[in-house]
Amino acid sequence: MGIFVDEERCNRCGTADEPMCVRDCPGDLMFIKENGKAAIVDNRECWDCAACVKVCPTQAITMQLPTSLVVRGVQLRGRAMKHKTEWRIRLRDGEVKGYETPSTGKPPFVPSL
């Protein structure tokens, strides 16, 4: 899997002191580059939890599925809401499909170090 940031969409969560992707990444892998745009330190270290994808208010962060599962060019976007997460998948032909997953209402698991 891979996390990718669309710099055209990323606005650093507006005027937030700490962007939500940086705040919510349990692996502490998201950071803000000098140009003010979010980035991931190393995709190989990513836990594939999609926390950054779900909290991005501009949907600038996408998760690309491995080529062993799908055809290149397919992207997955999500938006966490109070009682559900809305997901959109853009297929290679440009078709967009959506689905929802219910929220557990529990905070995300973060292992202690």
PDB file of N, CA and C in Angstrom:
ATOM      1  N   MET A   1       0.857  -1.172   0.000  1.00  0.00           N
ATOM      2  CA  MET A   1       0.000   0.000   0.000  1.00  0.00           C
ATOM      3  C   MET A   1       0.897   1.227   0.000  1.00  0.00           C
ATOM      4  N   GLY A   2       0.300   2.331  -0.286  1.00  0.00           N
ATOM      5  CA  GLY A   2       1.058   3.561  -0.267  1.00  0.00           C
ATOM      6  C   GLY A   2       0.163   4.749   0.005  1.00  0.00           C
ATOM      7  N   ILE A   3       0.683   5.685   0.790  1.00  0.00           N
ATOM      8  CA  ILE A   3      -0.024   6.917   1.108  1.00  0.00           C
ATOM      9  C   ILE A   3       0.579   8.009   0.231  1.00  0.00           C
ATOM     10  N   PHE A   4      -0.286   8.750  -0.457  1.00  0.00           N
ATOM     11  CA  PHE A   4       0.179   9.814  -1.337  1.00  0.00           C
ATOM     12  C   PHE A   4      -0.599  11.090  -1.052  1.00  0.00           C
ATOM     13  N   VAL A   5       0.100  12.213  -1.081  1.00  0.00           N
ATOM     14  CA  VAL A   5      -0.510  13.513  -0.809  1.00  0.00           C
ATOM     15  C   VAL A   5      -0.556  14.322  -2.104  1.00  0.00           C
ATOM     16  N   ASP A   6      -1.750  14.775  -2.447  1.00  0.00           N
ATOM     17  CA  ASP A   6      -1.940  15.659  -3.594  1.00  0.00           C
ATOM     18  C   ASP A   6      -1.669  17.075  -3.100  1.00  0.00           C
ATOM     19  N   GLU A   7      -0.514  17.622  -3.462  1.00  0.00           N
ATOM     20  CA  GLU A   7      -0.118  18.938  -2.967  1.00  0.00           C
ATOM     21  C   GLU A   7      -1.043  20.053  -3.453  1.00  0.00           C
ATOM     22  N   GLU A   8      -1.749  19.820  -4.545  1.00  0.00           N
ATOM     23  CA  GLU A   8      -2.701  20.826  -5.024  1.00  0.00           C
ATOM     24  C   GLU A   8      -3.887  20.942  -4.067  1.00  0.00           C
ATOM     25  N   ARG A   9      -4.273  19.833  -3.435  1.00  0.00           N
ATOM     26  CA  ARG A   9      -5.419  19.826  -2.522  1.00  0.00           C
ATOM     27  C   ARG A   9      -5.030  20.135  -1.078  1.00  0.00           C
ATOM     28  N   CYS A  10      -3.824  19.784  -0.691  1.00  0.00           N
ATOM     29  CA  CYS A  10      -3.396  19.944   0.704  1.00  0.00           C
ATOM     30  C   CYS A  10      -3.315  21.421   1.058  1.00  0.00           C
ATOM     31  N   ASN A  11      -3.988  21.797   2.150  1.00  0.00           N
ATOM     32  CA  ASN A  11      -3.929  23.186   2.618  1.00  0.00           C
ATOM     33  C   ASN A  11      -3.452  23.262   4.066  1.00  0.00           C
ATOM     34  N   ARG A  12      -2.826  22.182   4.537  1.00  0.00           N
ATOM     35  CA  ARG A  12      -2.295  22.098   5.906  1.00  0.00           C
ATOM     36  C   ARG A  12      -3.417  22.280   6.935  1.00  0.00           C
ATOM     37  N   CYS A  13      -4.612  21.833   6.567  1.00  0.00           N
ATOM     38  CA  CYS A  13      -5.799  21.951   7.419  1.00  0.00           C
ATOM     39  C   CYS A  13      -6.094  23.408   7.771  1.00  0.00           C
ATOM     40  N   GLY A  14      -5.914  24.274   6.800  1.00  0.00           N
ATOM     41  CA  GLY A  14      -6.215  25.686   7.024  1.00  0.00           C
ATOM     42  C   GLY A  14      -5.209  26.330   7.945  1.00  0.00           C
ATOM     43  N   THR A  15      -5.672  26.815   9.065  1.00  0.00           N
ATOM     44  CA  THR A  15      -4.786  27.520  10.002  1.00  0.00           C
ATOM     45  C   THR A  15      -4.485  26.693  11.240  1.00  0.00           C
ATOM     46  N   ALA A  16      -4.681  25.412  11.179  1.00  0.00           N
ATOM     47  CA  ALA A  16      -4.456  24.559  12.343  1.00  0.00           C
ATOM     48  C   ALA A  16      -2.992  24.594  12.764  1.00  0.00           C
ATOM     49  N   ASP A  17      -2.758  24.574  14.076  1.00  0.00           N
ATOM     50  CA  ASP A  17      -1.379  24.524  14.577  1.00  0.00           C
ATOM     51  C   ASP A  17      -0.699  23.231  14.138  1.00  0.00           C
ATOM     52  N   GLU A  18      -1.448  22.141  14.235  1.00  0.00           N
ATOM     53  CA  GLU A  18      -0.928  20.838  13.824  1.00  0.00           C
ATOM     54  C   GLU A  18      -1.954  20.193  12.899  1.00  0.00           C
ATOM     55  N   PRO A  19      -1.593  19.952  11.647  1.00  0.00           N
ATOM     56  CA  PRO A  19      -2.522  19.335  10.713  1.00  0.00           C
ATOM     57  C   PRO A  19      -3.018  17.990  11.235  1.00  0.00           C
ATOM     58  N   MET A  20      -4.253  17.645  10.892  1.00  0.00           N
ATOM     59  CA  MET A  20      -4.872  16.430  11.413  1.00  0.00           C
ATOM     60  C   MET A  20      -4.129  15.167  11.011  1.00  0.00           C
ATOM     61  N   CYS A  21      -3.556  15.121   9.815  1.00  0.00           N
ATOM     62  CA  CYS A  21      -2.833  13.919   9.402  1.00  0.00           C
ATOM     63  C   CYS A  21      -1.595  13.710  10.274  1.00  0.00           C
ATOM     64  N   VAL A  22      -0.917  14.802  10.611  1.00  0.00           N
ATOM     65  CA  VAL A  22       0.257  14.725  11.480  1.00  0.00           C
ATOM     66  C   VAL A  22      -0.173  14.309  12.882  1.00  0.00           C
ATOM     67  N   ARG A  23      -1.241  14.913  13.354  1.00  0.00           N
ATOM     68  CA  ARG A  23      -1.746  14.638  14.700  1.00  0.00           C
ATOM     69  C   ARG A  23      -2.221  13.198  14.858  1.00  0.00           C
ATOM     70  N   ASP A  24      -2.906  12.650  13.841  1.00  0.00           N
ATOM     71  CA  ASP A  24      -3.566  11.353  13.994  1.00  0.00           C
ATOM     72  C   ASP A  24      -2.771  10.144  13.521  1.00  0.00           C
ATOM     73  N   CYS A  25      -1.641  10.337  12.886  1.00  0.00           N
ATOM     74  CA  CYS A  25      -0.866   9.187  12.403  1.00  0.00           C
ATOM     75  C   CYS A  25      -0.270   8.434  13.591  1.00  0.00           C
ATOM     76  N   PRO A  26      -0.697   7.181  13.822  1.00  0.00           N
ATOM     77  CA  PRO A  26      -0.192   6.444  14.990  1.00  0.00           C
ATOM     78  C   PRO A  26       1.283   6.071  14.869  1.00  0.00           C
ATOM     79  N   GLY A  27       1.806   6.073  13.652  1.00  0.00           N
ATOM     80  CA  GLY A  27       3.217   5.753  13.460  1.00  0.00           C
ATOM     81  C   GLY A  27       4.111   6.983  13.449  1.00  0.00           C
ATOM     82  N   ASP A  28       3.517   8.163  13.642  1.00  0.00           N
ATOM     83  CA  ASP A  28       4.246   9.425  13.639  1.00  0.00           C
ATOM     84  C   ASP A  28       5.044   9.581  12.338  1.00  0.00           C
ATOM     85  N   LEU A  29       4.396   9.273  11.216  1.00  0.00           N
ATOM     86  CA  LEU A  29       5.069   9.284   9.920  1.00  0.00           C
ATOM     87  C   LEU A  29       4.737  10.486   9.051  1.00  0.00           C
ATOM     88  N   MET A  30       3.694  11.215   9.377  1.00  0.00           N
ATOM     89  CA  MET A  30       3.306  12.373   8.568  1.00  0.00           C
ATOM     90  C   MET A  30       4.020  13.613   9.096  1.00  0.00           C
ATOM     91  N   PHE A  31       4.422  14.487   8.178  1.00  0.00           N
ATOM     92  CA  PHE A  31       5.077  15.730   8.553  1.00  0.00           C
ATOM     93  C   PHE A  31       4.724  16.805   7.522  1.00  0.00           C
ATOM     94  N   ILE A  32       5.074  18.037   7.824  1.00  0.00           N
ATOM     95  CA  ILE A  32       4.830  19.145   6.912  1.00  0.00           C
ATOM     96  C   ILE A  32       6.166  19.579   6.318  1.00  0.00           C
ATOM     97  N   LYS A  33       6.206  19.600   4.998  1.00  0.00           N
ATOM     98  CA  LYS A  33       7.421  20.000   4.294  1.00  0.00           C
ATOM     99  C   LYS A  33       7.577  21.517   4.344  1.00  0.00           C
ATOM    100  N   GLU A  34       8.720  21.990   3.896  1.00  0.00           N
ATOM    101  CA  GLU A  34       8.994  23.426   3.898  1.00  0.00           C
ATOM    102  C   GLU A  34       7.983  24.214   3.088  1.00  0.00           C
ATOM    103  N   ASN A  35       7.395  23.589   2.068  1.00  0.00           N
ATOM    104  CA  ASN A  35       6.407  24.290   1.246  1.00  0.00           C
ATOM    105  C   ASN A  35       5.014  24.312   1.889  1.00  0.00           C
ATOM    106  N   GLY A  36       4.890  23.772   3.125  1.00  0.00           N
ATOM    107  CA  GLY A  36       3.624  23.798   3.845  1.00  0.00           C
ATOM    108  C   GLY A  36       2.681  22.664   3.499  1.00  0.00           C
ATOM    109  N   LYS A  37       3.143  21.682   2.755  1.00  0.00           N
ATOM    110  CA  LYS A  37       2.313  20.552   2.329  1.00  0.00           C
ATOM    111  C   LYS A  37       2.687  19.300   3.125  1.00  0.00           C
ATOM    112  N   ALA A  38       1.693  18.457   3.363  1.00  0.00           N
ATOM    113  CA  ALA A  38       1.910  17.218   4.112  1.00  0.00           C
ATOM    114  C   ALA A  38       2.674  16.208   3.260  1.00  0.00           C
ATOM    115  N   ALA A  39       3.381  15.333   3.937  1.00  0.00           N
ATOM    116  CA  ALA A  39       4.109  14.247   3.272  1.00  0.00           C
ATOM    117  C   ALA A  39       4.292  13.121   4.279  1.00  0.00           C
ATOM    118  N   ILE A  40       4.591  11.941   3.767  1.00  0.00           N
ATOM    119  CA  ILE A  40       4.871  10.797   4.630  1.00  0.00           C
ATOM    120  C   ILE A  40       6.375  10.554   4.629  1.00  0.00           C
ATOM    121  N   VAL A  41       6.910  10.237   5.794  1.00  0.00           N
ATOM    122  CA  VAL A  41       8.343  10.020   5.943  1.00  0.00           C
ATOM    123  C   VAL A  41       8.798   8.861   5.063  1.00  0.00           C
ATOM    124  N   ASP A  42       8.130   7.707   5.203  1.00  0.00           N
ATOM    125  CA  ASP A  42       8.529   6.515   4.457  1.00  0.00           C
ATOM    126  C   ASP A  42       7.331   5.573   4.354  1.00  0.00           C
ATOM    127  N   ASN A  43       6.846   5.334   3.153  1.00  0.00           N
ATOM    128  CA  ASN A  43       5.694   4.455   2.961  1.00  0.00           C
ATOM    129  C   ASN A  43       5.956   3.036   3.451  1.00  0.00           C
ATOM    130  N   ARG A  44       7.196   2.623   3.477  1.00  0.00           N
ATOM    131  CA  ARG A  44       7.510   1.262   3.948  1.00  0.00           C
ATOM    132  C   ARG A  44       7.232   1.102   5.438  1.00  0.00           C
ATOM    133  N   GLU A  45       7.213   2.211   6.175  1.00  0.00           N
ATOM    134  CA  GLU A  45       6.938   2.176   7.611  1.00  0.00           C
ATOM    135  C   GLU A  45       5.450   2.323   7.938  1.00  0.00           C
ATOM    136  N   CYS A  46       4.645   2.663   6.940  1.00  0.00           N
ATOM    137  CA  CYS A  46       3.217   2.908   7.147  1.00  0.00           C
ATOM    138  C   CYS A  46       2.493   1.646   7.610  1.00  0.00           C
ATOM    139  N   TRP A  47       1.577   1.805   8.558  1.00  0.00           N
ATOM    140  CA  TRP A  47       0.804   0.687   9.110  1.00  0.00           C
ATOM    141  C   TRP A  47      -0.436   0.390   8.276  1.00  0.00           C
ATOM    142  N   ASP A  48      -0.704   1.167   7.254  1.00  0.00           N
ATOM    143  CA  ASP A  48      -1.889   1.009   6.407  1.00  0.00           C
ATOM    144  C   ASP A  48      -3.191   1.139   7.194  1.00  0.00           C
ATOM    145  N   CYS A  49      -3.182   1.967   8.218  1.00  0.00           N
ATOM    146  CA  CYS A  49      -4.387   2.147   9.034  1.00  0.00           C
ATOM    147  C   CYS A  49      -5.355   3.139   8.403  1.00  0.00           C
ATOM    148  N   ALA A  50      -4.874   3.967   7.489  1.00  0.00           N
ATOM    149  CA  ALA A  50      -5.670   4.972   6.784  1.00  0.00           C
ATOM    150  C   ALA A  50      -6.156   6.103   7.691  1.00  0.00           C
ATOM    151  N   ALA A  51      -5.560   6.276   8.855  1.00  0.00           N
ATOM    152  CA  ALA A  51      -5.975   7.369   9.747  1.00  0.00           C
ATOM    153  C   ALA A  51      -5.816   8.716   9.056  1.00  0.00           C
ATOM    154  N   CYS A  52      -4.714   8.924   8.368  1.00  0.00           N
ATOM    155  CA  CYS A  52      -4.485  10.205   7.692  1.00  0.00           C
ATOM    156  C   CYS A  52      -5.468  10.406   6.547  1.00  0.00           C
ATOM    157  N   VAL A  53      -5.806   9.331   5.858  1.00  0.00           N
ATOM    158  CA  VAL A  53      -6.759   9.402   4.747  1.00  0.00           C
ATOM    159  C   VAL A  53      -8.127   9.827   5.267  1.00  0.00           C
ATOM    160  N   LYS A  54      -8.537   9.242   6.385  1.00  0.00           N
ATOM    161  CA  LYS A  54      -9.875   9.498   6.919  1.00  0.00           C
ATOM    162  C   LYS A  54     -10.038  10.901   7.485  1.00  0.00           C
ATOM    163  N   VAL A  55      -8.989  11.482   8.049  1.00  0.00           N
ATOM    164  CA  VAL A  55      -9.156  12.779   8.702  1.00  0.00           C
ATOM    165  C   VAL A  55      -8.872  13.973   7.800  1.00  0.00           C
ATOM    166  N   CYS A  56      -8.335  13.752   6.631  1.00  0.00           N
ATOM    167  CA  CYS A  56      -7.982  14.874   5.754  1.00  0.00           C
ATOM    168  C   CYS A  56      -9.247  15.596   5.274  1.00  0.00           C
ATOM    169  N   PRO A  57      -9.435  16.865   5.669  1.00  0.00           N
ATOM    170  CA  PRO A  57     -10.665  17.574   5.309  1.00  0.00           C
ATOM    171  C   PRO A  57     -10.774  17.906   3.825  1.00  0.00           C
ATOM    172  N   THR A  58      -9.658  17.950   3.116  1.00  0.00           N
ATOM    173  CA  THR A  58      -9.695  18.267   1.687  1.00  0.00           C
ATOM    174  C   THR A  58      -9.546  17.017   0.824  1.00  0.00           C
ATOM    175  N   GLN A  59      -9.447  15.870   1.444  1.00  0.00           N
ATOM    176  CA  GLN A  59      -9.234  14.588   0.769  1.00  0.00           C
ATOM    177  C   GLN A  59      -8.002  14.641  -0.136  1.00  0.00           C
ATOM    178  N   ALA A  60      -6.956  15.298   0.379  1.00  0.00           N
ATOM    179  CA  ALA A  60      -5.697  15.397  -0.356  1.00  0.00           C
ATOM    180  C   ALA A  60      -4.860  14.129  -0.216  1.00  0.00           C
ATOM    181  N   ILE A  61      -5.180  13.295   0.761  1.00  0.00           N
ATOM    182  CA  ILE A  61      -4.388  12.092   1.003  1.00  0.00           C
ATOM    183  C   ILE A  61      -5.142  10.884   0.477  1.00  0.00           C
ATOM    184  N   THR A  62      -4.469  10.098  -0.327  1.00  0.00           N
ATOM    185  CA  THR A  62      -5.069   8.891  -0.879  1.00  0.00           C
ATOM    186  C   THR A  62      -4.212   7.690  -0.531  1.00  0.00           C
ATOM    187  N   MET A  63      -4.854   6.549  -0.530  1.00  0.00           N
ATOM    188  CA  MET A  63      -4.155   5.289  -0.322  1.00  0.00           C
ATOM    189  C   MET A  63      -4.241   4.531  -1.636  1.00  0.00           C
ATOM    190  N   GLN A  64      -3.102   4.194  -2.179  1.00  0.00           N
ATOM    191  CA  GLN A  64      -3.098   3.405  -3.399  1.00  0.00           C
ATOM    192  C   GLN A  64      -2.887   1.953  -3.022  1.00  0.00           C
ATOM    193  N   LEU A  65      -3.744   1.130  -3.570  1.00  0.00           N
ATOM    194  CA  LEU A  65      -3.694  -0.291  -3.274  1.00  0.00           C
ATOM    195  C   LEU A  65      -2.549  -0.941  -4.054  1.00  0.00           C
ATOM    196  N   PRO A  66      -1.974  -2.019  -3.530  1.00  0.00           N
ATOM    197  CA  PRO A  66      -0.863  -2.662  -4.233  1.00  0.00           C
ATOM    198  C   PRO A  66      -1.301  -3.211  -5.585  1.00  0.00           C
ATOM    199  N   THR A  67      -0.381  -3.217  -6.527  1.00  0.00           N
ATOM    200  CA  THR A  67      -0.706  -3.680  -7.872  1.00  0.00           C
ATOM    201  C   THR A  67      -1.090  -5.148  -7.898  1.00  0.00           C
ATOM    202  N   SER A  68      -0.719  -5.893  -6.887  1.00  0.00           N
ATOM    203  CA  SER A  68      -1.117  -7.301  -6.840  1.00  0.00           C
ATOM    204  C   SER A  68      -2.616  -7.441  -6.595  1.00  0.00           C
ATOM    205  N   LEU A  69      -3.257  -6.373  -6.067  1.00  0.00           N
ATOM    206  CA  LEU A  69      -4.691  -6.410  -5.786  1.00  0.00           C
ATOM    207  C   LEU A  69      -5.515  -5.709  -6.851  1.00  0.00           C
ATOM    208  N   VAL A  70      -4.987  -4.639  -7.391  1.00  0.00           N
ATOM    209  CA  VAL A  70      -5.753  -3.851  -8.356  1.00  0.00           C
ATOM    210  C   VAL A  70      -4.854  -3.373  -9.483  1.00  0.00           C
ATOM    211  N   VAL A  71      -5.488  -2.762 -10.443  1.00  0.00           N
ATOM    212  CA  VAL A  71      -4.770  -2.196 -11.581  1.00  0.00           C
ATOM    213  C   VAL A  71      -4.208  -0.833 -11.171  1.00  0.00           C
ATOM    214  N   ARG A  72      -3.057  -0.497 -11.682  1.00  0.00           N
ATOM    215  CA  ARG A  72      -2.418   0.783 -11.372  1.00  0.00           C
ATOM    216  C   ARG A  72      -3.367   1.945 -11.677  1.00  0.00           C
ATOM    217  N   GLY A  73      -3.333   2.943 -10.806  1.00  0.00           N
ATOM    218  CA  GLY A  73      -4.149   4.127 -11.023  1.00  0.00           C
ATOM    219  C   GLY A  73      -5.416   4.169 -10.195  1.00  0.00           C
ATOM    220  N   VAL A  74      -5.708   3.122  -9.450  1.00  0.00           N
ATOM    221  CA  VAL A  74      -6.891   3.106  -8.591  1.00  0.00           C
ATOM    222  C   VAL A  74      -6.534   3.784  -7.269  1.00  0.00           C
ATOM    223  N   GLN A  75      -7.399   4.689  -6.794  1.00  0.00           N
ATOM    224  CA  GLN A  75      -7.149   5.406  -5.552  1.00  0.00           C
ATOM    225  C   GLN A  75      -8.306   5.242  -4.587  1.00  0.00           C
ATOM    226  N   LEU A  76      -7.982   5.253  -3.309  1.00  0.00           N
ATOM    227  CA  LEU A  76      -8.975   5.137  -2.253  1.00  0.00           C
ATOM    228  C   LEU A  76      -8.898   6.383  -1.390  1.00  0.00           C
ATOM    229  N   ARG A  77     -10.047   7.043  -1.193  1.00  0.00           N
ATOM    230  CA  ARG A  77     -10.138   8.220  -0.323  1.00  0.00           C
ATOM    231  C   ARG A  77     -11.193   7.945   0.738  1.00  0.00           C
ATOM    232  N   GLY A  78     -11.007   8.529   1.902  1.00  0.00           N
ATOM    233  CA  GLY A  78     -11.982   8.349   2.970  1.00  0.00           C
ATOM    234  C   GLY A  78     -12.160   9.618   3.764  1.00  0.00           C
ATOM    235  N   ARG A  79     -13.307   9.714   4.406  1.00  0.00           N
ATOM    236  CA  ARG A  79     -13.582  10.839   5.290  1.00  0.00           C
ATOM    237  C   ARG A  79     -14.293  10.315   6.523  1.00  0.00           C
ATOM    238  N   ALA A  80     -13.665  10.501   7.681  1.00  0.00           N
ATOM    239  CA  ALA A  80     -14.258  10.061   8.934  1.00  0.00           C
ATOM    240  C   ALA A  80     -15.311  11.067   9.380  1.00  0.00           C
ATOM    241  N   MET A  81     -16.458  10.533   9.790  1.00  0.00           N
ATOM    242  CA  MET A  81     -17.529  11.353  10.325  1.00  0.00           C
ATOM    243  C   MET A  81     -17.851  10.794  11.708  1.00  0.00           C
ATOM    244  N   LYS A  82     -18.803  11.383  12.384  1.00  0.00           N
ATOM    245  CA  LYS A  82     -19.078  10.980  13.764  1.00  0.00           C
ATOM    246  C   LYS A  82     -19.437   9.500  13.900  1.00  0.00           C
ATOM    247  N   HIS A  83     -20.326   8.997  13.066  1.00  0.00           N
ATOM    248  CA  HIS A  83     -20.801   7.628  13.223  1.00  0.00           C
ATOM    249  C   HIS A  83     -20.426   6.705  12.077  1.00  0.00           C
ATOM    250  N   LYS A  84     -19.622   7.212  11.125  1.00  0.00           N
ATOM    251  CA  LYS A  84     -19.273   6.376   9.972  1.00  0.00           C
ATOM    252  C   LYS A  84     -18.047   6.961   9.280  1.00  0.00           C
ATOM    253  N   THR A  85     -17.476   6.175   8.402  1.00  0.00           N
ATOM    254  CA  THR A  85     -16.440   6.656   7.492  1.00  0.00           C
ATOM    255  C   THR A  85     -16.962   6.454   6.087  1.00  0.00           C
ATOM    256  N   GLU A  86     -16.930   7.522   5.302  1.00  0.00           N
ATOM    257  CA  GLU A  86     -17.351   7.439   3.907  1.00  0.00           C
ATOM    258  C   GLU A  86     -16.108   7.218   3.056  1.00  0.00           C
ATOM    259  N   TRP A  87     -16.155   6.217   2.208  1.00  0.00           N
ATOM    260  CA  TRP A  87     -15.038   5.866   1.335  1.00  0.00           C
ATOM    261  C   TRP A  87     -15.434   6.081  -0.112  1.00  0.00           C
ATOM    262  N   ARG A  88     -14.479   6.544  -0.910  1.00  0.00           N
ATOM    263  CA  ARG A  88     -14.665   6.651  -2.350  1.00  0.00           C
ATOM    264  C   ARG A  88     -13.477   5.984  -3.022  1.00  0.00           C
ATOM    265  N   ILE A  89     -13.763   5.165  -3.994  1.00  0.00           N
ATOM    266  CA  ILE A  89     -12.703   4.544  -4.771  1.00  0.00           C
ATOM    267  C   ILE A  89     -12.847   4.997  -6.215  1.00  0.00           C
ATOM    268  N   ARG A  90     -11.742   5.493  -6.753  1.00  0.00           N
ATOM    269  CA  ARG A  90     -11.732   5.921  -8.149  1.00  0.00           C
ATOM    270  C   ARG A  90     -11.039   4.844  -8.946  1.00  0.00           C
ATOM    271  N   LEU A  91     -11.778   4.262  -9.882  1.00  0.00           N
ATOM    272  CA  LEU A  91     -11.253   3.191 -10.703  1.00  0.00           C
ATOM    273  C   LEU A  91     -10.411   3.756 -11.838  1.00  0.00           C
ATOM    274  N   ARG A  92      -9.678   2.907 -12.463  1.00  0.00           N
ATOM    275  CA  ARG A  92      -8.773   3.333 -13.523  1.00  0.00           C
ATOM    276  C   ARG A  92      -9.503   4.061 -14.655  1.00  0.00           C
ATOM    277  N   ASP A  93     -10.725   3.654 -14.943  1.00  0.00           N
ATOM    278  CA  ASP A  93     -11.487   4.298 -16.029  1.00  0.00           C
ATOM    279  C   ASP A  93     -12.129   5.612 -15.595  1.00  0.00           C
ATOM    280  N   GLY A  94     -11.881   6.044 -14.352  1.00  0.00           N
ATOM    281  CA  GLY A  94     -12.414   7.302 -13.852  1.00  0.00           C
ATOM    282  C   GLY A  94     -13.712   7.167 -13.088  1.00  0.00           C
ATOM    283  N   GLU A  95     -14.345   5.993 -13.146  1.00  0.00           N
ATOM    284  CA  GLU A  95     -15.597   5.782 -12.414  1.00  0.00           C
ATOM    285  C   GLU A  95     -15.326   5.848 -10.911  1.00  0.00           C
ATOM    286  N   VAL A  96     -16.217   6.511 -10.188  1.00  0.00           N
ATOM    287  CA  VAL A  96     -16.088   6.644  -8.739  1.00  0.00           C
ATOM    288  C   VAL A  96     -17.211   5.871  -8.075  1.00  0.00           C
ATOM    289  N   LYS A  97     -16.858   5.029  -7.119  1.00  0.00           N
ATOM    290  CA  LYS A  97     -17.842   4.279  -6.343  1.00  0.00           C
ATOM    291  C   LYS A  97     -17.659   4.647  -4.873  1.00  0.00           C
ATOM    292  N   GLY A  98     -18.753   4.633  -4.137  1.00  0.00           N
ATOM    293  CA  GLY A  98     -18.679   4.978  -2.732  1.00  0.00           C
ATOM    294  C   GLY A  98     -19.301   3.915  -1.852  1.00  0.00           C
ATOM    295  N   TYR A  99     -18.825   3.864  -0.624  1.00  0.00           N
ATOM    296  CA  TYR A  99     -19.409   2.985   0.379  1.00  0.00           C
ATOM    297  C   TYR A  99     -19.094   3.542   1.759  1.00  0.00           C
ATOM    298  N   GLU A 100     -19.742   3.016   2.773  1.00  0.00           N
ATOM    299  CA  GLU A 100     -19.579   3.496   4.148  1.00  0.00           C
ATOM    300  C   GLU A 100     -19.240   2.340   5.073  1.00  0.00           C
ATOM    301  N   THR A 101     -18.481   2.655   6.100  1.00  0.00           N
ATOM    302  CA  THR A 101     -18.229   1.699   7.171  1.00  0.00           C
ATOM    303  C   THR A 101     -18.632   2.376   8.481  1.00  0.00           C
ATOM    304  N   PRO A 102     -19.307   1.658   9.368  1.00  0.00           N
ATOM    305  CA  PRO A 102     -19.731   2.271  10.628  1.00  0.00           C
ATOM    306  C   PRO A 102     -18.538   2.529  11.545  1.00  0.00           C
ATOM    307  N   SER A 103     -18.667   3.541  12.371  1.00  0.00           N
ATOM    308  CA  SER A 103     -17.643   3.846  13.360  1.00  0.00           C
ATOM    309  C   SER A 103     -17.880   2.985  14.592  1.00  0.00           C
ATOM    310  N   THR A 104     -16.801   2.570  15.224  1.00  0.00           N
ATOM    311  CA  THR A 104     -16.926   1.787  16.455  1.00  0.00           C
ATOM    312  C   THR A 104     -17.196   2.691  17.646  1.00  0.00           C
ATOM    313  N   GLY A 105     -16.917   3.989  17.485  1.00  0.00           N
ATOM    314  CA  GLY A 105     -17.098   4.917  18.589  1.00  0.00           C
ATOM    315  C   GLY A 105     -15.957   4.856  19.588  1.00  0.00           C
ATOM    316  N   LYS A 106     -14.938   4.024  19.293  1.00  0.00           N
ATOM    317  CA  LYS A 106     -13.787   3.894  20.191  1.00  0.00           C
ATOM    318  C   LYS A 106     -12.605   4.663  19.609  1.00  0.00           C
ATOM    319  N   PRO A 107     -11.747   5.202  20.452  1.00  0.00           N
ATOM    320  CA  PRO A 107     -10.559   5.874  19.923  1.00  0.00           C
ATOM    321  C   PRO A 107      -9.650   4.847  19.262  1.00  0.00           C
ATOM    322  N   PRO A 108      -8.826   5.273  18.289  1.00  0.00           N
ATOM    323  CA  PRO A 108      -7.946   4.328  17.625  1.00  0.00           C
ATOM    324  C   PRO A 108      -6.924   3.732  18.585  1.00  0.00           C
ATOM    325  N   PHE A 109      -6.528   2.510  18.310  1.00  0.00           N
ATOM    326  CA  PHE A 109      -5.520   1.836  19.132  1.00  0.00           C
ATOM    327  C   PHE A 109      -4.153   2.408  18.805  1.00  0.00           C
ATOM    328  N   VAL A 110      -3.456   2.843  19.834  1.00  0.00           N
ATOM    329  CA  VAL A 110      -2.090   3.321  19.663  1.00  0.00           C
ATOM    330  C   VAL A 110      -1.222   2.544  20.652  1.00  0.00           C
ATOM    331  N   PRO A 111      -0.304   1.708  20.138  1.00  0.00           N
ATOM    332  CA  PRO A 111       0.517   0.911  21.045  1.00  0.00           C
ATOM    333  C   PRO A 111       1.463   1.796  21.838  1.00  0.00           C
ATOM    334  N   SER A 112       1.755   1.388  23.054  1.00  0.00           N
ATOM    335  CA  SER A 112       2.710   2.147  23.875  1.00  0.00           C
ATOM    336  C   SER A 112       4.117   1.721  23.481  1.00  0.00           C
ATOM    337  N   LEU A 113       5.006   2.662  23.557  1.00  0.00           N
ATOM    338  CA  LEU A 113       6.403   2.378  23.165  1.00  0.00           C
ATOM    339  C   LEU A 113       7.282   2.206  24.363  1.00  0.00           C
TER     340      LEU A 113
END
